[in-house]
């Protein structure tokens, strides 16, 4: 049986490079149309919320996808774990806070999780994706395909170690 994967991406399509997460998820949705045998759930929102902890309930692996202004180009891929941080009491949570909430709500450890932060540079309201971000998106897309091709925690850890 194929592992149950949740891709949880966020971003605002009206804010330039903040649209990287939604743009990548749109590609994934289209790609999945021809692959009904894969057990991939795509969840998109403007920002991570406490309710997203419930999206992790049936997952074996989780990949958080977002634009990242601090990432080295083209992206960063890293393993993450749940922890309570300053975002825990705000509207928008970090991936770590979502995992922490999942642990509290589900009463067990959340699934293994990684963050794919795609380098963004321009976040002006009403702006399209920047030229640099479009290039980063292409490389990140290839990485997502590699992750989905070998959906095992050990393989994802190995890929993260390469970045």
Protein backbone atom coordinates (compact mmCIF):
# COMPACT_ATOMS: atom_id res chain seq x y z
CA UNK A 1 0.00 0.00 0.00
CA UNK A 2 1.27 3.45 -0.90
CA UNK A 3 2.19 5.67 2.03
CA UNK A 4 -0.32 8.36 2.91
CA UNK A 5 1.30 11.71 2.17
CA UNK A 6 0.01 15.16 3.05
CA UNK A 7 1.40 18.15 1.21
CA UNK A 8 0.41 21.17 3.24
CA UNK A 9 1.25 24.39 1.44
CA UNK A 10 0.53 27.98 2.14
CA UNK A 11 0.89 31.37 0.54
CA UNK A 12 -1.01 34.26 -0.92
CA UNK A 13 -1.29 34.20 -4.73
CA UNK A 14 -1.81 37.99 -4.69
CA UNK A 15 1.56 38.71 -3.04
CA UNK A 16 4.25 38.06 -5.62
CA UNK A 17 6.60 35.27 -4.60
CA UNK A 18 4.32 34.32 -1.71
CA UNK A 19 2.45 32.43 -4.44
CA UNK A 20 5.25 29.83 -4.65
CA UNK A 21 3.46 27.38 -2.33
CA UNK A 22 0.11 27.55 -4.18
CA UNK A 23 1.86 27.41 -7.58
CA UNK A 24 3.73 24.26 -6.61
CA UNK A 25 0.60 22.64 -5.18
CA UNK A 26 -1.31 23.43 -8.39
CA UNK A 27 1.31 21.48 -10.33
CA UNK A 28 1.05 18.60 -7.88
CA UNK A 29 -2.74 18.48 -8.23
CA UNK A 30 -2.47 18.36 -12.00
CA UNK A 31 0.25 15.70 -11.89
CA UNK A 32 -1.82 13.56 -9.50
CA UNK A 33 -4.74 13.43 -11.97
CA UNK A 34 -2.84 10.75 -13.90
CA UNK A 35 -1.73 8.86 -10.77
CA UNK A 36 -4.80 7.63 -8.88
CA UNK A 37 -2.70 4.92 -7.22
CA UNK A 38 -0.82 7.50 -5.14
CA UNK A 39 -2.24 8.37 -1.75
CA UNK A 40 -1.39 12.08 -1.69
CA UNK A 41 -3.59 14.70 -0.07
CA UNK A 42 -2.96 18.31 -1.06
CA UNK A 43 -4.00 20.99 1.43
CA UNK A 44 -3.63 24.68 0.57
CA UNK A 45 -4.30 27.77 2.65
CA UNK A 46 -3.07 31.33 3.01
CA UNK A 47 -1.33 30.44 6.27
CA UNK A 48 -1.01 27.51 8.64
CA UNK A 49 -3.71 27.32 11.31
CA UNK A 50 -4.41 25.10 14.33
CA UNK A 51 -7.04 23.27 12.27
CA UNK A 52 -4.30 21.96 9.99
CA UNK A 53 -3.23 19.64 12.79
CA UNK A 54 -6.27 17.52 11.91
CA UNK A 55 -5.02 17.19 8.32
CA UNK A 56 -2.12 15.15 9.68
CA UNK A 57 -4.26 12.55 11.47
CA UNK A 58 -4.04 9.85 8.78
CA UNK A 59 -0.69 10.78 7.24
CA UNK A 60 2.47 8.69 7.09
CA UNK A 61 4.61 11.58 5.78
CA UNK A 62 4.06 15.34 5.69
CA UNK A 63 5.66 17.99 3.53
CA UNK A 64 5.06 21.65 4.38
CA UNK A 65 5.58 23.90 1.34
CA UNK A 66 5.96 27.68 1.48
CA UNK A 67 7.92 30.60 0.10
CA UNK A 68 10.99 31.40 2.20
CA UNK A 69 12.80 34.72 1.98
CA UNK A 70 15.70 33.39 4.08
CA UNK A 71 16.32 30.16 2.17
CA UNK A 72 19.39 29.78 0.01
CA UNK A 73 18.30 29.62 -3.61
CA UNK A 74 16.61 27.66 -5.00
CA UNK A 75 15.11 26.12 -1.85
CA UNK A 76 15.77 24.48 1.49
CA UNK A 77 14.53 21.03 2.45
CA UNK A 78 14.75 20.11 6.11
CA UNK A 79 13.26 17.65 8.55
CA UNK A 80 11.24 19.24 11.31
CA UNK A 81 9.56 18.19 14.53
CA UNK A 82 6.80 19.56 16.67
CA UNK A 83 7.53 22.23 19.22
CA UNK A 84 5.66 25.03 20.82
CA UNK A 85 6.98 28.36 19.58
CA UNK A 86 5.91 32.00 19.54
CA UNK A 87 3.50 31.32 16.67
CA UNK A 88 1.52 28.92 18.88
CA UNK A 89 -0.70 31.78 20.11
CA UNK A 90 -1.06 33.69 16.84
CA UNK A 91 -3.26 33.38 13.76
CA UNK A 92 -0.50 31.89 11.60
CA UNK A 93 1.44 28.92 12.92
CA UNK A 94 4.84 27.57 11.96
CA UNK A 95 5.07 23.98 10.72
CA UNK A 96 6.62 23.11 14.09
CA UNK A 97 3.63 24.57 15.95
CA UNK A 98 1.19 22.66 13.71
CA UNK A 99 3.04 19.45 14.58
CA UNK A 100 2.93 20.38 18.27
CA UNK A 101 -0.83 20.95 18.09
CA UNK A 102 -1.22 17.64 16.24
CA UNK A 103 0.58 15.85 19.07
CA UNK A 104 -1.70 17.47 21.63
CA UNK A 105 -4.95 16.92 19.72
CA UNK A 106 -4.25 13.45 18.36
CA UNK A 107 -2.66 12.17 21.56
CA UNK A 108 0.31 10.67 19.72
CA UNK A 109 3.39 11.69 17.82
CA UNK A 110 2.62 13.35 14.49
CA UNK A 111 3.95 11.76 11.30
CA UNK A 112 7.50 12.51 10.14
CA UNK A 113 7.55 15.95 8.54
CA UNK A 114 9.75 18.07 6.32
CA UNK A 115 9.67 21.71 5.23
CA UNK A 116 10.31 22.74 1.64
CA UNK A 117 11.02 26.47 1.70
CA UNK A 118 11.26 27.83 -1.83
CA UNK A 119 13.34 30.99 -2.10
CA UNK A 120 11.17 34.06 -2.66
CA UNK A 121 12.38 37.62 -3.04
CA UNK A 122 9.53 39.91 -4.07
CA UNK A 123 6.26 39.95 -2.10
CA UNK A 124 4.51 43.10 -3.30
CA UNK A 125 0.71 43.09 -3.32
CA UNK A 126 -0.58 42.43 -6.84
CA UNK A 127 2.82 41.39 -8.20
CA UNK A 128 3.33 38.18 -10.18
CA UNK A 129 5.97 35.59 -9.34
CA UNK A 130 9.40 37.11 -9.93
CA UNK A 131 11.73 35.77 -12.59
CA UNK A 132 14.05 34.33 -9.93
CA UNK A 133 11.14 32.69 -8.11
CA UNK A 134 9.97 31.04 -11.32
CA UNK A 135 13.41 29.47 -11.67
CA UNK A 136 13.35 28.30 -8.05
CA UNK A 137 9.88 26.86 -8.61
CA UNK A 138 11.18 24.69 -11.46
CA UNK A 139 13.94 23.20 -9.31
CA UNK A 140 11.57 22.72 -6.36
CA UNK A 141 9.09 20.95 -8.65
CA UNK A 142 11.78 18.44 -9.62
CA UNK A 143 12.51 17.89 -5.93
CA UNK A 144 8.85 17.26 -5.10
CA UNK A 145 8.69 14.67 -7.89
CA UNK A 146 11.76 12.94 -6.45
CA UNK A 147 10.18 12.91 -2.98
CA UNK A 148 6.91 11.48 -4.26
CA UNK A 149 8.81 8.89 -6.29
CA UNK A 150 10.50 7.51 -3.17
CA UNK A 151 8.06 8.19 -0.35
CA UNK A 152 10.02 6.81 2.58
CA UNK A 153 11.23 8.80 5.57
CA UNK A 154 14.78 7.52 5.10
CA UNK A 155 14.80 8.66 1.47
CA UNK A 156 13.39 12.08 2.36
CA UNK A 157 16.01 12.47 5.09
CA UNK A 158 18.74 11.62 2.59
CA UNK A 159 17.42 14.22 0.15
CA UNK A 160 17.22 16.83 2.92
CA UNK A 161 20.83 16.10 3.89
CA UNK A 162 21.83 17.01 0.34
CA UNK A 163 20.49 20.54 0.72
